[in-house]
Amino acid sequence: MRLAIGRISDGEIQFAEKICRFVRDIYRELTLVVPHMDDSSDMKTKMDVMLQSVMKIENACFSVHVRGSEYTGLLGSDDPNSFLVGVPDIEL
């Protein structure tokens, strides 16, 4: 999930979508196996967390498609019309 969100923030949306499909496929395949595991397994909790991660990646990819065109092209831009011009860099 972190890799996908990081790629989105870097402007690599197609790569983030590939990660999304990959994680979704893994989740789908594991849902076939988990019901056959014993109830004491931590796998069911891990599946809940994985579902949350899939949903976060999907929401981030969806947000980029819906609103990302407003901002993605301007990230790191030296364009004088950029909304980021004049915003100081954050130093850590």
Protein backbone atom coordinates (compact mmCIF):
# COMPACT_ATOMS: atom_id res chain seq x y z
CA MET A 1 0.00 0.00 0.00
CA ARG A 2 2.78 2.43 0.89
CA LEU A 3 4.56 1.73 -2.37
CA ALA A 4 1.40 2.48 -4.36
CA ILE A 5 0.68 5.70 -2.48
CA GLY A 6 4.31 6.76 -2.89
CA ARG A 7 4.16 6.11 -6.62
CA ILE A 8 0.99 8.17 -6.90
CA SER A 9 2.67 11.07 -5.14
CA ASP A 10 5.60 10.71 -7.56
CA GLY A 11 3.17 10.94 -10.48
CA GLU A 12 3.58 7.30 -11.53
CA ILE A 13 -0.11 6.54 -11.66
CA GLN A 14 0.07 3.60 -14.08
CA PHE A 15 2.57 1.82 -11.81
CA ALA A 16 0.29 2.42 -8.81
CA GLU A 17 -2.61 0.93 -10.76
CA LYS A 18 -0.51 -2.17 -11.49
CA ILE A 19 0.21 -2.50 -7.78
CA CYS A 20 -3.50 -2.10 -7.07
CA ARG A 21 -4.42 -4.90 -9.47
CA PHE A 22 -1.67 -7.13 -8.04
CA VAL A 23 -2.77 -6.62 -4.42
CA ARG A 24 -6.43 -7.08 -5.37
CA ASP A 25 -5.57 -10.37 -7.14
CA ILE A 26 -3.63 -11.63 -4.12
CA TYR A 27 -6.53 -10.74 -1.83
CA ARG A 28 -9.03 -12.48 -4.10
CA GLU A 29 -6.94 -15.66 -4.24
CA LEU A 30 -6.36 -15.72 -0.50
CA THR A 31 -10.09 -15.41 0.20
CA LEU A 32 -10.37 -18.92 -1.24
CA VAL A 33 -7.81 -20.32 1.22
CA VAL A 34 -8.60 -18.50 4.46
CA PRO A 35 -11.98 -20.19 5.17
CA HIS A 36 -10.18 -23.53 5.30
CA MET A 37 -7.74 -22.37 8.00
CA ASP A 38 -8.35 -22.99 11.67
CA ASP A 39 -10.02 -20.25 13.71
CA SER A 40 -6.93 -19.61 15.81
CA SER A 41 -5.05 -18.41 12.75
CA ASP A 42 -3.99 -14.76 12.57
CA MET A 43 -4.61 -14.91 8.85
CA LYS A 44 -8.19 -13.68 9.18
CA THR A 45 -7.01 -10.50 10.88
CA LYS A 46 -4.32 -10.07 8.26
CA MET A 47 -6.97 -10.43 5.56
CA ASP A 48 -9.00 -7.63 7.16
CA VAL A 49 -5.93 -5.39 7.14
CA MET A 50 -5.19 -6.38 3.54
CA LEU A 51 -8.74 -5.48 2.52
CA GLN A 52 -8.30 -2.06 4.12
CA SER A 53 -5.05 -1.62 2.19
CA VAL A 54 -6.73 -2.59 -1.09
CA MET A 55 -9.48 -0.08 -0.42
CA LYS A 56 -6.96 2.69 0.35
CA ILE A 57 -5.05 2.02 -2.86
CA GLU A 58 -8.26 1.91 -4.91
CA ASN A 59 -9.49 5.16 -3.34
CA ALA A 60 -6.16 6.87 -4.01
CA CYS A 61 -6.13 5.72 -7.66
CA PHE A 62 -9.75 6.77 -8.06
CA SER A 63 -9.04 10.19 -6.54
CA VAL A 64 -6.19 10.72 -8.98
CA HIS A 65 -8.45 9.87 -11.90
CA VAL A 66 -11.22 12.14 -10.69
CA ARG A 67 -9.22 15.09 -9.37
CA GLY A 68 -5.60 14.29 -10.11
CA SER A 69 -5.52 15.95 -13.48
CA GLU A 70 -5.89 19.23 -11.61
CA TYR A 71 -2.64 18.74 -9.71
CA THR A 72 -0.47 15.94 -11.07
CA GLY A 73 0.99 17.88 -13.96
CA LEU A 74 1.95 20.76 -11.68
CA LEU A 75 3.95 18.77 -9.15
CA GLY A 76 7.56 19.82 -9.35
CA SER A 77 6.77 22.30 -12.09
CA ASP A 78 8.64 25.57 -12.60
CA ASP A 79 5.63 26.95 -14.44
CA PRO A 80 4.92 30.50 -13.19
CA ASN A 81 1.19 29.71 -13.28
CA SER A 82 1.64 26.75 -10.94
CA PHE A 83 -0.30 26.91 -7.71
CA LEU A 84 2.88 25.78 -5.89
CA VAL A 85 4.96 28.81 -6.93
CA GLY A 86 5.95 30.82 -3.90
CA VAL A 87 5.39 27.94 -1.50
CA PRO A 88 8.62 27.43 0.44
CA ASP A 89 10.24 23.99 0.40
CA ILE A 90 9.89 22.09 3.63
CA GLU A 91 13.20 21.21 5.19
CA LEU A 92 13.34 18.30 7.60
